[in-house]
Amino acid sequence: MTAKLDYRWHLRQVMATRGMFATTDLAGPLAERGIHLSSSQVYRLVAERPERLSLKVLMALLDILDCSMEDLIEPVAAESAARTRAAGGEAGVGDLRPKRAQISRIDS
Protein backbone atom coordinates (compact mmCIF):
# COMPACT_ATOMS: atom_id res chain seq x y z
CA MET A 1 0.00 0.00 0.00
CA THR A 2 1.30 3.44 -0.92
CA ALA A 3 1.68 5.94 1.89
CA LYS A 4 -0.45 9.04 1.53
CA LEU A 5 1.55 12.21 1.89
CA ASP A 6 0.53 15.58 3.16
CA TYR A 7 2.50 18.69 4.08
CA ARG A 8 2.75 21.48 6.59
CA TRP A 9 3.14 25.06 5.37
CA HIS A 10 5.54 27.12 7.52
CA LEU A 11 5.49 30.49 5.72
CA ARG A 12 4.14 32.41 8.72
CA GLN A 13 6.78 30.93 11.04
CA VAL A 14 9.62 31.64 8.60
CA MET A 15 8.39 35.20 8.14
CA ALA A 16 8.26 35.70 11.92
CA THR A 17 11.85 34.52 12.37
CA ARG A 18 12.82 37.17 9.78
CA GLY A 19 10.93 39.91 11.66
CA MET A 20 8.02 40.01 9.20
CA PHE A 21 4.82 39.86 11.25
CA ALA A 22 2.27 41.41 8.89
CA THR A 23 1.08 39.67 5.76
CA THR A 24 1.45 42.97 3.92
CA ASP A 25 5.23 42.78 4.49
CA LEU A 26 5.36 40.39 1.52
CA ALA A 27 3.44 42.47 -1.03
CA GLY A 28 6.30 44.89 -1.80
CA PRO A 29 9.08 42.31 -2.11
CA LEU A 30 6.85 40.12 -4.28
CA ALA A 31 6.02 43.08 -6.55
CA GLU A 32 9.75 43.87 -6.88
CA ARG A 33 10.13 40.37 -8.31
CA GLY A 34 7.28 40.83 -10.78
CA ILE A 35 4.61 39.01 -8.77
CA HIS A 36 1.56 41.15 -8.21
CA LEU A 37 -0.93 39.65 -5.75
CA SER A 38 -3.89 41.35 -4.10
CA SER A 39 -3.77 41.87 -0.35
CA SER A 40 -6.30 39.04 0.12
CA GLN A 41 -4.18 36.69 -1.99
CA VAL A 42 -1.08 37.51 0.08
CA TYR A 43 -3.10 36.99 3.28
CA ARG A 44 -4.31 33.57 2.12
CA LEU A 45 -0.77 32.62 1.06
CA VAL A 46 0.52 33.40 4.56
CA ALA A 47 -2.41 32.38 6.75
CA GLU A 48 -3.66 29.29 4.93
CA ARG A 49 -2.05 26.22 3.49
CA PRO A 50 -1.95 26.63 -0.30
CA GLU A 51 -3.28 23.75 -2.41
CA ARG A 52 -1.68 25.13 -5.58
CA LEU A 53 1.37 27.32 -5.73
CA SER A 54 3.12 28.81 -8.73
CA LEU A 55 6.79 27.93 -8.91
CA LYS A 56 7.53 31.60 -9.61
CA VAL A 57 5.82 32.55 -6.33
CA LEU A 58 7.67 29.79 -4.48
CA MET A 59 11.04 30.87 -5.88
CA ALA A 60 10.26 34.50 -4.98
CA LEU A 61 9.39 33.49 -1.39
CA LEU A 62 12.63 31.52 -1.08
CA ASP A 63 14.57 34.54 -2.35
CA ILE A 64 12.74 37.09 -0.17
CA LEU A 65 13.06 35.01 2.99
CA ASP A 66 16.53 33.65 2.16
CA CYS A 67 15.44 30.13 3.05
CA SER A 68 15.19 26.68 1.48
CA MET A 69 12.14 24.76 0.36
CA GLU A 70 12.49 22.49 3.42
CA ASP A 71 12.02 25.55 5.64
CA LEU A 72 8.65 26.35 4.02
CA ILE A 73 7.22 22.93 3.20
CA GLU A 74 7.43 19.95 5.55
CA PRO A 75 6.24 16.64 4.09
CA VAL A 76 4.30 14.47 6.55
CA ALA A 77 2.26 11.29 6.40
CA ALA A 78 -1.43 12.10 5.87
CA GLU A 79 -2.70 10.40 9.02
CA SER A 80 -0.14 12.03 11.32
CA ALA A 81 -1.02 15.47 9.90
CA ALA A 82 -4.70 14.94 10.71
CA ARG A 83 -3.82 13.68 14.17
CA THR A 84 -1.56 16.69 14.84
CA ARG A 85 -4.28 19.17 13.88
CA ALA A 86 -6.82 17.36 16.06
CA ALA A 87 -4.39 17.26 19.00
CA GLY A 88 -3.95 21.02 19.09
CA GLY A 89 -2.18 21.99 15.90
CA GLU A 90 1.24 23.40 15.28
CA ALA A 91 3.11 25.83 17.43
CA GLY A 92 2.09 29.39 16.68
CA VAL A 93 4.20 32.44 16.06
CA GLY A 94 3.09 34.17 19.25
CA ASP A 95 6.43 33.48 20.92
CA LEU A 96 8.23 35.13 18.01
CA ARG A 97 6.29 38.40 18.14
CA PRO A 98 8.16 41.40 19.54
CA LYS A 99 7.24 42.26 23.11
CA ARG A 100 5.65 45.63 23.82
CA ALA A 101 8.04 47.98 25.57
CA GLN A 102 7.32 48.71 29.22
CA ILE A 103 7.78 52.37 30.06
CA SER A 104 8.29 53.04 33.72
CA ARG A 105 8.42 56.42 35.36
CA ILE A 106 11.62 57.29 37.16
CA ASP A 107 11.16 59.81 39.97
CA SER A 108 14.11 62.11 40.51
PDB file of N, CA and C in Angstrom:
ATOM      1  N   MET A   1       0.830  -1.176   0.000  1.00  0.00           N
ATOM      2  CA  MET A   1       0.000   0.000   0.000  1.00  0.00           C
ATOM      3  C   MET A   1       0.880   1.247   0.000  1.00  0.00           C
ATOM      4  N   THR A   2       0.541   2.210  -0.804  1.00  0.00           N
ATOM      5  CA  THR A   2       1.304   3.442  -0.918  1.00  0.00           C
ATOM      6  C   THR A   2       0.924   4.397   0.202  1.00  0.00           C
ATOM      7  N   ALA A   3       1.932   4.975   0.822  1.00  0.00           N
ATOM      8  CA  ALA A   3       1.676   5.935   1.895  1.00  0.00           C
ATOM      9  C   ALA A   3       1.116   7.220   1.311  1.00  0.00           C
ATOM     10  N   LYS A   4       0.114   7.764   1.967  1.00  0.00           N
ATOM     11  CA  LYS A   4      -0.451   9.041   1.534  1.00  0.00           C
ATOM     12  C   LYS A   4       0.340  10.160   2.199  1.00  0.00           C
ATOM     13  N   LEU A   5       0.729  11.111   1.383  1.00  0.00           N
ATOM     14  CA  LEU A   5       1.545  12.205   1.890  1.00  0.00           C
ATOM     15  C   LEU A   5       0.726  13.484   2.015  1.00  0.00           C
ATOM     16  N   ASP A   6       1.125  14.274   2.938  1.00  0.00           N
ATOM     17  CA  ASP A   6       0.533  15.580   3.162  1.00  0.00           C
ATOM     18  C   ASP A   6       1.699  16.522   3.444  1.00  0.00           C
ATOM     19  N   TYR A   7       1.422  17.762   3.789  1.00  0.00           N
ATOM     20  CA  TYR A   7       2.497  18.692   4.083  1.00  0.00           C
ATOM     21  C   TYR A   7       2.031  19.737   5.077  1.00  0.00           C
ATOM     22  N   ARG A   8       3.006  20.343   5.711  1.00  0.00           N
ATOM     23  CA  ARG A   8       2.751  21.482   6.590  1.00  0.00           C
ATOM     24  C   ARG A   8       3.390  22.698   5.942  1.00  0.00           C
ATOM     25  N   TRP A   9       2.699  23.813   5.993  1.00  0.00           N
ATOM     26  CA  TRP A   9       3.141  25.057   5.374  1.00  0.00           C
ATOM     27  C   TRP A   9       3.642  25.976   6.476  1.00  0.00           C
ATOM     28  N   HIS A  10       4.906  26.352   6.443  1.00  0.00           N
ATOM     29  CA  HIS A  10       5.538  27.123   7.519  1.00  0.00           C
ATOM     30  C   HIS A  10       5.866  28.563   7.138  1.00  0.00           C
ATOM     31  N   LEU A  11       5.155  29.131   6.175  1.00  0.00           N
ATOM     32  CA  LEU A  11       5.489  30.490   5.723  1.00  0.00           C
ATOM     33  C   LEU A  11       5.384  31.496   6.858  1.00  0.00           C
ATOM     34  N   ARG A  12       4.315  31.438   7.638  1.00  0.00           N
ATOM     35  CA  ARG A  12       4.143  32.411   8.722  1.00  0.00           C
ATOM     36  C   ARG A  12       5.285  32.314   9.739  1.00  0.00           C
ATOM     37  N   GLN A  13       5.694  31.100  10.080  1.00  0.00           N
ATOM     38  CA  GLN A  13       6.780  30.932  11.043  1.00  0.00           C
ATOM     39  C   GLN A  13       8.105  31.453  10.487  1.00  0.00           C
ATOM     40  N   VAL A  14       8.377  31.172   9.214  1.00  0.00           N
ATOM     41  CA  VAL A  14       9.624  31.639   8.602  1.00  0.00           C
ATOM     42  C   VAL A  14       9.623  33.164   8.530  1.00  0.00           C
ATOM     43  N   MET A  15       8.491  33.741   8.161  1.00  0.00           N
ATOM     44  CA  MET A  15       8.394  35.201   8.138  1.00  0.00           C
ATOM     45  C   MET A  15       8.667  35.781   9.528  1.00  0.00           C
ATOM     46  N   ALA A  16       8.096  35.182  10.555  1.00  0.00           N
ATOM     47  CA  ALA A  16       8.262  35.695  11.921  1.00  0.00           C
ATOM     48  C   ALA A  16       9.719  35.649  12.359  1.00  0.00           C
ATOM     49  N   THR A  17      10.430  34.595  11.985  1.00  0.00           N
ATOM     50  CA  THR A  17      11.846  34.524  12.366  1.00  0.00           C
ATOM     51  C   THR A  17      12.677  35.574  11.639  1.00  0.00           C
ATOM     52  N   ARG A  18      12.140  36.108  10.539  1.00  0.00           N
ATOM     53  CA  ARG A  18      12.825  37.168   9.783  1.00  0.00           C
ATOM     54  C   ARG A  18      12.308  38.558  10.177  1.00  0.00           C
ATOM     55  N   GLY A  19      11.450  38.641  11.192  1.00  0.00           N
ATOM     56  CA  GLY A  19      10.931  39.912  11.656  1.00  0.00           C
ATOM     57  C   GLY A  19       9.775  40.447  10.832  1.00  0.00           C
ATOM     58  N   MET A  20       9.156  39.604  10.031  1.00  0.00           N
ATOM     59  CA  MET A  20       8.018  40.010   9.200  1.00  0.00           C
ATOM     60  C   MET A  20       6.753  39.458   9.854  1.00  0.00           C
ATOM     61  N   PHE A  21       5.983  40.327  10.506  1.00  0.00           N
ATOM     62  CA  PHE A  21       4.819  39.862  11.255  1.00  0.00           C
ATOM     63  C   PHE A  21       3.495  40.178  10.577  1.00  0.00           C
ATOM     64  N   ALA A  22       3.493  41.057   9.607  1.00  0.00           N
ATOM     65  CA  ALA A  22       2.267  41.406   8.891  1.00  0.00           C
ATOM     66  C   ALA A  22       2.289  40.762   7.513  1.00  0.00           C
ATOM     67  N   THR A  23       1.140  40.296   7.081  1.00  0.00           N
ATOM     68  CA  THR A  23       1.080  39.670   5.759  1.00  0.00           C
ATOM     69  C   THR A  23       1.419  40.683   4.664  1.00  0.00           C
ATOM     70  N   THR A  24       1.156  41.947   4.923  1.00  0.00           N
ATOM     71  CA  THR A  24       1.449  42.971   3.919  1.00  0.00           C
ATOM     72  C   THR A  24       2.949  43.187   3.728  1.00  0.00           C
ATOM     73  N   ASP A  25       3.776  42.660   4.636  1.00  0.00           N
ATOM     74  CA  ASP A  25       5.226  42.776   4.485  1.00  0.00           C
ATOM     75  C   ASP A  25       5.735  42.055   3.236  1.00  0.00           C
ATOM     76  N   LEU A  26       4.941  41.142   2.710  1.00  0.00           N
ATOM     77  CA  LEU A  26       5.362  40.392   1.518  1.00  0.00           C
ATOM     78  C   LEU A  26       4.978  41.061   0.206  1.00  0.00           C
ATOM     79  N   ALA A  27       3.968  41.904   0.215  1.00  0.00           N
ATOM     80  CA  ALA A  27       3.441  42.471  -1.030  1.00  0.00           C
ATOM     81  C   ALA A  27       4.515  43.233  -1.806  1.00  0.00           C
ATOM     82  N   GLY A  28       5.250  44.101  -1.143  1.00  0.00           N
ATOM     83  CA  GLY A  28       6.295  44.892  -1.803  1.00  0.00           C
ATOM     84  C   GLY A  28       7.406  44.040  -2.386  1.00  0.00           C
ATOM     85  N   PRO A  29       8.023  43.169  -1.571  1.00  0.00           N
ATOM     86  CA  PRO A  29       9.083  42.312  -2.113  1.00  0.00           C
ATOM     87  C   PRO A  29       8.608  41.403  -3.249  1.00  0.00           C
ATOM     88  N   LEU A  30       7.368  40.924  -3.180  1.00  0.00           N
ATOM     89  CA  LEU A  30       6.848  40.117  -4.281  1.00  0.00           C
ATOM     90  C   LEU A  30       6.706  40.963  -5.544  1.00  0.00           C
ATOM     91  N   ALA A  31       6.200  42.190  -5.400  1.00  0.00           N
ATOM     92  CA  ALA A  31       6.022  43.077  -6.550  1.00  0.00           C
ATOM     93  C   ALA A  31       7.367  43.424  -7.181  1.00  0.00           C
ATOM     94  N   GLU A  32       8.410  43.591  -6.357  1.00  0.00           N
ATOM     95  CA  GLU A  32       9.748  43.870  -6.876  1.00  0.00           C
ATOM     96  C   GLU A  32      10.251  42.734  -7.761  1.00  0.00           C
ATOM     97  N   ARG A  33       9.730  41.542  -7.534  1.00  0.00           N
ATOM     98  CA  ARG A  33      10.132  40.372  -8.310  1.00  0.00           C
ATOM     99  C   ARG A  33       9.125  40.047  -9.416  1.00  0.00           C
ATOM    100  N   GLY A  34       8.229  40.989  -9.688  1.00  0.00           N
ATOM    101  CA  GLY A  34       7.282  40.827 -10.783  1.00  0.00           C
ATOM    102  C   GLY A  34       6.048  40.011 -10.456  1.00  0.00           C
ATOM    103  N   ILE A  35       5.782  39.781  -9.180  1.00  0.00           N
ATOM    104  CA  ILE A  35       4.613  39.007  -8.766  1.00  0.00           C
ATOM    105  C   ILE A  35       3.648  39.953  -8.069  1.00  0.00           C
ATOM    106  N   HIS A  36       2.531  40.201  -8.724  1.00  0.00           N
ATOM    107  CA  HIS A  36       1.557  41.154  -8.208  1.00  0.00           C
ATOM    108  C   HIS A  36       0.334  40.396  -7.710  1.00  0.00           C
ATOM    109  N   LEU A  37       0.203  40.331  -6.378  1.00  0.00           N
ATOM    110  CA  LEU A  37      -0.928  39.651  -5.747  1.00  0.00           C
ATOM    111  C   LEU A  37      -1.742  40.685  -4.975  1.00  0.00           C
ATOM    112  N   SER A  38      -3.038  40.465  -4.901  1.00  0.00           N
ATOM    113  CA  SER A  38      -3.886  41.348  -4.102  1.00  0.00           C
ATOM    114  C   SER A  38      -3.589  41.105  -2.623  1.00  0.00           C
ATOM    115  N   SER A  39      -4.022  42.027  -1.787  1.00  0.00           N
ATOM    116  CA  SER A  39      -3.771  41.867  -0.348  1.00  0.00           C
ATOM    117  C   SER A  39      -4.457  40.614   0.194  1.00  0.00           C
ATOM    118  N   SER A  40      -5.632  40.263  -0.345  1.00  0.00           N
ATOM    119  CA  SER A  40      -6.303  39.039   0.116  1.00  0.00           C
ATOM    120  C   SER A  40      -5.560  37.794  -0.352  1.00  0.00           C
ATOM    121  N   GLN A  41      -4.957  37.835  -1.528  1.00  0.00           N
ATOM    122  CA  GLN A  41      -4.176  36.686  -1.994  1.00  0.00           C
ATOM    123  C   GLN A  41      -2.928  36.495  -1.140  1.00  0.00           C
ATOM    124  N   VAL A  42      -2.265  37.595  -0.787  1.00  0.00           N
ATOM    125  CA  VAL A  42      -1.084  37.507   0.079  1.00  0.00           C
ATOM    126  C   VAL A  42      -1.492  36.982   1.445  1.00  0.00           C
ATOM    127  N   TYR A  43      -2.618  37.468   1.976  1.00  0.00           N
ATOM    128  CA  TYR A  43      -3.102  36.989   3.277  1.00  0.00           C
ATOM    129  C   TYR A  43      -3.339  35.479   3.249  1.00  0.00           C
ATOM    130  N   ARG A  44      -4.034  35.006   2.209  1.00  0.00           N
ATOM    131  CA  ARG A  44      -4.311  33.575   2.116  1.00  0.00           C
ATOM    132  C   ARG A  44      -3.020  32.759   1.963  1.00  0.00           C
ATOM    133  N   LEU A  45      -2.052  33.297   1.237  1.00  0.00           N
ATOM    134  CA  LEU A  45      -0.770  32.617   1.064  1.00  0.00           C
ATOM    135  C   LEU A  45      -0.065  32.430   2.400  1.00  0.00           C
ATOM    136  N   VAL A  46      -0.157  33.448   3.260  1.00  0.00           N
ATOM    137  CA  VAL A  46       0.521  33.401   4.560  1.00  0.00           C
ATOM    138  C   VAL A  46      -0.295  32.635   5.592  1.00  0.00           C
ATOM    139  N   ALA A  47      -1.587  32.907   5.663  1.00  0.00           N
ATOM    140  CA  ALA A  47      -2.411  32.385   6.748  1.00  0.00           C
ATOM    141  C   ALA A  47      -2.968  30.991   6.503  1.00  0.00           C
ATOM    142  N   GLU A  48      -3.081  30.596   5.249  1.00  0.00           N
ATOM    143  CA  GLU A  48      -3.659  29.288   4.933  1.00  0.00           C
ATOM    144  C   GLU A  48      -2.630  28.423   4.218  1.00  0.00           C
ATOM    145  N   ARG A  49      -2.918  27.175   4.180  1.00  0.00           N
ATOM    146  CA  ARG A  49      -2.054  26.217   3.494  1.00  0.00           C
ATOM    147  C   ARG A  49      -2.456  26.175   2.020  1.00  0.00           C
ATOM    148  N   PRO A  50      -1.564  26.601   1.107  1.00  0.00           N
ATOM    149  CA  PRO A  50      -1.953  26.630  -0.304  1.00  0.00           C
ATOM    150  C   PRO A  50      -2.077  25.225  -0.895  1.00  0.00           C
ATOM    151  N   GLU A  51      -3.109  25.025  -1.697  1.00  0.00           N
ATOM    152  CA  GLU A  51      -3.284  23.755  -2.408  1.00  0.00           C
ATOM    153  C   GLU A  51      -2.521  23.772  -3.729  1.00  0.00           C
ATOM    154  N   ARG A  52      -2.459  24.948  -4.351  1.00  0.00           N
ATOM    155  CA  ARG A  52      -1.684  25.127  -5.583  1.00  0.00           C
ATOM    156  C   ARG A  52      -0.793  26.338  -5.382  1.00  0.00           C
ATOM    157  N   LEU A  53       0.425  26.229  -5.892  1.00  0.00           N
ATOM    158  CA  LEU A  53       1.367  27.318  -5.727  1.00  0.00           C
ATOM    159  C   LEU A  53       2.233  27.405  -6.965  1.00  0.00           C
ATOM    160  N   SER A  54       2.282  28.580  -7.561  1.00  0.00           N
ATOM    161  CA  SER A  54       3.121  28.807  -8.730  1.00  0.00           C
ATOM    162  C   SER A  54       4.587  28.663  -8.332  1.00  0.00           C
ATOM    163  N   LEU A  55       5.361  28.055  -9.198  1.00  0.00           N
ATOM    164  CA  LEU A  55       6.790  27.925  -8.915  1.00  0.00           C
ATOM    165  C   LEU A  55       7.468  29.289  -8.878  1.00  0.00           C
ATOM    166  N   LYS A  56       6.966  30.246  -9.645  1.00  0.00           N
ATOM    167  CA  LYS A  56       7.527  31.604  -9.605  1.00  0.00           C
ATOM    168  C   LYS A  56       7.299  32.227  -8.233  1.00  0.00           C
ATOM    169  N   VAL A  57       6.116  32.027  -7.667  1.00  0.00           N
ATOM    170  CA  VAL A  57       5.821  32.549  -6.330  1.00  0.00           C
ATOM    171  C   VAL A  57       6.703  31.849  -5.298  1.00  0.00           C
ATOM    172  N   LEU A  58       6.828  30.539  -5.410  1.00  0.00           N
ATOM    173  CA  LEU A  58       7.670  29.787  -4.475  1.00  0.00           C
ATOM    174  C   LEU A  58       9.116  30.259  -4.534  1.00  0.00           C
ATOM    175  N   MET A  59       9.654  30.423  -5.740  1.00  0.00           N
ATOM    176  CA  MET A  59      11.040  30.875  -5.882  1.00  0.00           C
ATOM    177  C   MET A  59      11.208  32.297  -5.327  1.00  0.00           C
ATOM    178  N   ALA A  60      10.204  33.148  -5.527  1.00  0.00           N
ATOM    179  CA  ALA A  60      10.264  34.504  -4.975  1.00  0.00           C
ATOM    180  C   ALA A  60      10.265  34.460  -3.448  1.00  0.00           C
ATOM    181  N   LEU A  61       9.425  33.608  -2.854  1.00  0.00           N
ATOM    182  CA  LEU A  61       9.390  33.488  -1.391  1.00  0.00           C
ATOM    183  C   LEU A  61      10.736  33.008  -0.857  1.00  0.00           C
ATOM    184  N   LEU A  62      11.324  32.032  -1.523  1.00  0.00           N
ATOM    185  CA  LEU A  62      12.629  31.524  -1.084  1.00  0.00           C
ATOM    186  C   LEU A  62      13.684  32.624  -1.150  1.00  0.00           C
ATOM    187  N   ASP A  63      13.620  33.451  -2.192  1.00  0.00           N
ATOM    188  CA  ASP A  63      14.575  34.544  -2.352  1.00  0.00           C
ATOM    189  C   ASP A  63      14.330  35.630  -1.307  1.00  0.00           C
ATOM    190  N   ILE A  64      13.084  36.031  -1.129  1.00  0.00           N
ATOM    191  CA  ILE A  64      12.741  37.090  -0.170  1.00  0.00           C
ATOM    192  C   ILE A  64      13.138  36.693   1.250  1.00  0.00           C
ATOM    193  N   LEU A  65      12.836  35.459   1.615  1.00  0.00           N
ATOM    194  CA  LEU A  65      13.057  35.009   2.993  1.00  0.00           C
ATOM    195  C   LEU A  65      14.431  34.377   3.192  1.00  0.00           C
ATOM    196  N   ASP A  66      15.195  34.251   2.107  1.00  0.00           N
ATOM    197  CA  ASP A  66      16.532  33.646   2.158  1.00  0.00           C
ATOM    198  C   ASP A  66      16.482  32.310   2.908  1.00  0.00           C
ATOM    199  N   CYS A  67      15.608  31.432   2.412  1.00  0.00           N
ATOM    200  CA  CYS A  67      15.440  30.135   3.048  1.00  0.00           C
ATOM    201  C   CYS A  67      15.387  29.042   1.978  1.00  0.00           C
ATOM    202  N   SER A  68      15.280  27.814   2.407  1.00  0.00           N
ATOM    203  CA  SER A  68      15.188  26.681   1.482  1.00  0.00           C
ATOM    204  C   SER A  68      13.751  26.173   1.451  1.00  0.00           C
ATOM    205  N   MET A  69      13.482  25.315   0.491  1.00  0.00           N
ATOM    206  CA  MET A  69      12.138  24.759   0.360  1.00  0.00           C
ATOM    207  C   MET A  69      11.775  23.938   1.601  1.00  0.00           C
ATOM    208  N   GLU A  70      12.754  23.289   2.214  1.00  0.00           N
ATOM    209  CA  GLU A  70      12.494  22.493   3.416  1.00  0.00           C
ATOM    210  C   GLU A  70      12.049  23.358   4.585  1.00  0.00           C
ATOM    211  N   ASP A  71      12.454  24.631   4.580  1.00  0.00           N
ATOM    212  CA  ASP A  71      12.015  25.547   5.641  1.00  0.00           C
ATOM    213  C   ASP A  71      10.535  25.890   5.506  1.00  0.00           C
ATOM    214  N   LEU A  72      10.040  25.965   4.261  1.00  0.00           N
ATOM    215  CA  LEU A  72       8.653  26.347   4.015  1.00  0.00           C
ATOM    216  C   LEU A  72       7.686  25.183   3.990  1.00  0.00           C
ATOM    217  N   ILE A  73       8.126  24.065   3.417  1.00  0.00           N
ATOM    218  CA  ILE A  73       7.223  22.931   3.204  1.00  0.00           C
ATOM    219  C   ILE A  73       7.792  21.705   3.903  1.00  0.00           C
ATOM    220  N   GLU A  74       7.012  21.156   4.821  1.00  0.00           N
ATOM    221  CA  GLU A  74       7.428  19.955   5.554  1.00  0.00           C
ATOM    222  C   GLU A  74       6.522  18.797   5.147  1.00  0.00           C
ATOM    223  N   PRO A  75       7.076  17.792   4.454  1.00  0.00           N
ATOM    224  CA  PRO A  75       6.242  16.644   4.094  1.00  0.00           C
ATOM    225  C   PRO A  75       5.947  15.789   5.326  1.00  0.00           C
ATOM    226  N   VAL A  76       4.708  15.333   5.447  1.00  0.00           N
ATOM    227  CA  VAL A  76       4.298  14.467   6.553  1.00  0.00           C
ATOM    228  C   VAL A  76       3.354  13.403   6.021  1.00  0.00           C
ATOM    229  N   ALA A  77       3.233  12.318   6.749  1.00  0.00           N
ATOM    230  CA  ALA A  77       2.255  11.292   6.396  1.00  0.00           C
ATOM    231  C   ALA A  77       0.862  11.846   6.655  1.00  0.00           C
ATOM    232  N   ALA A  78      -0.078  11.522   5.809  1.00  0.00           N
ATOM    233  CA  ALA A  78      -1.426  12.104   5.874  1.00  0.00           C
ATOM    234  C   ALA A  78      -2.098  11.859   7.223  1.00  0.00           C
ATOM    235  N   GLU A  79      -1.996  10.665   7.772  1.00  0.00           N
ATOM    236  CA  GLU A  79      -2.697  10.401   9.023  1.00  0.00           C
ATOM    237  C   GLU A  79      -2.072  11.129  10.195  1.00  0.00           C
ATOM    238  N   SER A  80      -0.751  11.313  10.203  1.00  0.00           N
ATOM    239  CA  SER A  80      -0.145  12.032  11.321  1.00  0.00           C
ATOM    240  C   SER A  80      -0.469  13.512  11.247  1.00  0.00           C
ATOM    241  N   ALA A  81      -0.646  14.056  10.042  1.00  0.00           N
ATOM    242  CA  ALA A  81      -1.021  15.467   9.903  1.00  0.00           C
ATOM    243  C   ALA A  81      -2.406  15.700  10.475  1.00  0.00           C
ATOM    244  N   ALA A  82      -3.340  14.804  10.185  1.00  0.00           N
ATOM    245  CA  ALA A  82      -4.699  14.942  10.710  1.00  0.00           C
ATOM    246  C   ALA A  82      -4.692  14.803  12.229  1.00  0.00           C
ATOM    247  N   ARG A  83      -3.904  13.884  12.741  1.00  0.00           N
ATOM    248  CA  ARG A  83      -3.824  13.677  14.175  1.00  0.00           C
ATOM    249  C   ARG A  83      -3.214  14.899  14.857  1.00  0.00           C
ATOM    250  N   THR A  84      -2.197  15.513  14.257  1.00  0.00           N
ATOM    251  CA  THR A  84      -1.558  16.688  14.841  1.00  0.00           C
ATOM    252  C   THR A  84      -2.537  17.842  14.921  1.00  0.00           C
ATOM    253  N   ARG A  85      -3.308  18.074  13.865  1.00  0.00           N
ATOM    254  CA  ARG A  85      -4.280  19.166  13.876  1.00  0.00           C
ATOM    255  C   ARG A  85      -5.342  18.919  14.939  1.00  0.00           C
ATOM    256  N   ALA A  86      -5.778  17.678  15.082  1.00  0.00           N
ATOM    257  CA  ALA A  86      -6.816  17.357  16.055  1.00  0.00           C
ATOM    258  C   ALA A  86      -6.279  17.470  17.483  1.00  0.00           C
ATOM    259  N   ALA A  87      -4.980  17.242  17.657  1.00  0.00           N
ATOM    260  CA  ALA A  87      -4.393  17.264  18.995  1.00  0.00           C
ATOM    261  C   ALA A  87      -4.014  18.671  19.451  1.00  0.00           C
ATOM    262  N   GLY A  88      -4.257  19.662  18.652  1.00  0.00           N
ATOM    263  CA  GLY A  88      -3.955  21.017  19.093  1.00  0.00           C
ATOM    264  C   GLY A  88      -3.202  21.827  18.081  1.00  0.00           C
ATOM    265  N   GLY A  89      -2.814  21.245  16.985  1.00  0.00           N
ATOM    266  CA  GLY A  89      -2.179  21.988  15.905  1.00  0.00           C
ATOM    267  C   GLY A  89      -0.713  22.259  16.136  1.00  0.00           C
ATOM    268  N   GLU A  90      -0.175  23.070  15.248  1.00  0.00           N
ATOM    269  CA  GLU A  90       1.240  23.399  15.282  1.00  0.00           C
ATOM    270  C   GLU A  90       1.492  24.541  16.257  1.00  0.00           C
ATOM    271  N   ALA A  91       2.742  24.709  16.591  1.00  0.00           N
ATOM    272  CA  ALA A  91       3.112  25.834  17.430  1.00  0.00           C
ATOM    273  C   ALA A  91       2.880  27.116  16.662  1.00  0.00           C
ATOM    274  N   GLY A  92       2.380  28.122  17.334  1.00  0.00           N
ATOM    275  CA  GLY A  92       2.094  29.385  16.682  1.00  0.00           C
ATOM    276  C   GLY A  92       3.310  30.290  16.634  1.00  0.00           C
ATOM    277  N   VAL A  93       3.117  31.476  16.146  1.00  0.00           N
ATOM    278  CA  VAL A  93       4.200  32.438  16.062  1.00  0.00           C
ATOM    279  C   VAL A  93       4.146  33.442  17.203  1.00  0.00           C
ATOM    280  N   GLY A  94       3.238  33.234  18.138  1.00  0.00           N
ATOM    281  CA  GLY A  94       3.088  34.167  19.253  1.00  0.00           C
ATOM    282  C   GLY A  94       4.364  34.384  20.031  1.00  0.00           C
ATOM    283  N   ASP A  95       5.178  33.343  20.182  1.00  0.00           N
ATOM    284  CA  ASP A  95       6.427  33.484  20.918  1.00  0.00           C
ATOM    285  C   ASP A  95       7.451  34.300  20.146  1.00  0.00           C
ATOM    286  N   LEU A  96       7.268  34.417  18.834  1.00  0.00           N
ATOM    287  CA  LEU A  96       8.229  35.132  18.009  1.00  0.00           C
ATOM    288  C   LEU A  96       7.879  36.608  17.855  1.00  0.00           C
ATOM    289  N   ARG A  97       6.683  37.003  18.282  1.00  0.00           N
ATOM    290  CA  ARG A  97       6.288  38.403  18.144  1.00  0.00           C
ATOM    291  C   ARG A  97       7.119  39.280  19.077  1.00  0.00           C
ATOM    292  N   PRO A  98       7.425  40.495  18.647  1.00  0.00           N
ATOM    293  CA  PRO A  98       8.158  41.402  19.537  1.00  0.00           C
ATOM    294  C   PRO A  98       7.304  41.755  20.749  1.00  0.00           C
ATOM    295  N   LYS A  99       7.942  41.909  21.875  1.00  0.00           N
ATOM    296  CA  LYS A  99       7.240  42.263  23.111  1.00  0.00           C
ATOM    297  C   LYS A  99       7.071  43.775  23.175  1.00  0.00           C
ATOM    298  N   ARG A 100       5.919  44.197  23.671  1.00  0.00           N
ATOM    299  CA  ARG A 100       5.647  45.627  23.823  1.00  0.00           C
ATOM    300  C   ARG A 100       6.567  46.190  24.899  1.00  0.00           C
ATOM    301  N   ALA A 101       7.133  47.348  24.626  1.00  0.00           N
ATOM    302  CA  ALA A 101       8.041  47.982  25.571  1.00  0.00           C
ATOM    303  C   ALA A 101       7.272  48.432  26.813  1.00  0.00           C
ATOM    304  N   GLN A 102       7.881  48.255  27.966  1.00  0.00           N
ATOM    305  CA  GLN A 102       7.320  48.707  29.223  1.00  0.00           C
ATOM    306  C   GLN A 102       8.004  50.027  29.583  1.00  0.00           C
ATOM    307  N   ILE A 103       7.229  51.061  29.701  1.00  0.00           N
ATOM    308  CA  ILE A 103       7.782  52.372  30.064  1.00  0.00           C
ATOM    309  C   ILE A 103       7.461  52.612  31.541  1.00  0.00           C
ATOM    310  N   SER A 104       8.504  52.776  32.305  1.00  0.00           N
ATOM    311  CA  SER A 104       8.291  53.036  33.724  1.00  0.00           C
ATOM    312  C   SER A 104       8.777  54.428  34.053  1.00  0.00           C
ATOM    313  N   ARG A 105       8.088  55.047  34.973  1.00  0.00           N
ATOM    314  CA  ARG A 105       8.415  56.421  35.356  1.00  0.00           C
ATOM    315  C   ARG A 105       9.492  56.392  36.414  1.00  0.00           C
ATOM    316  N   ILE A 106      10.519  57.199  36.200  1.00  0.00           N
ATOM    317  CA  ILE A 106      11.623  57.286  37.165  1.00  0.00           C
ATOM    318  C   ILE A 106      11.480  58.623  37.872  1.00  0.00           C
ATOM    319  N   ASP A 107      11.285  58.566  39.174  1.00  0.00           N
ATOM    320  CA  ASP A 107      11.165  59.807  39.973  1.00  0.00           C
ATOM    321  C   ASP A 107      12.567  60.272  40.357  1.00  0.00           C
ATOM    322  N   SER A 108      12.795  61.578  40.152  1.00  0.00           N
ATOM    323  CA  SER A 108      14.111  62.109  40.512  1.00  0.00           C
ATOM    324  C   SER A 108      14.078  62.836  41.821  1.00  0.00           C
TER     325      SER A 108
END
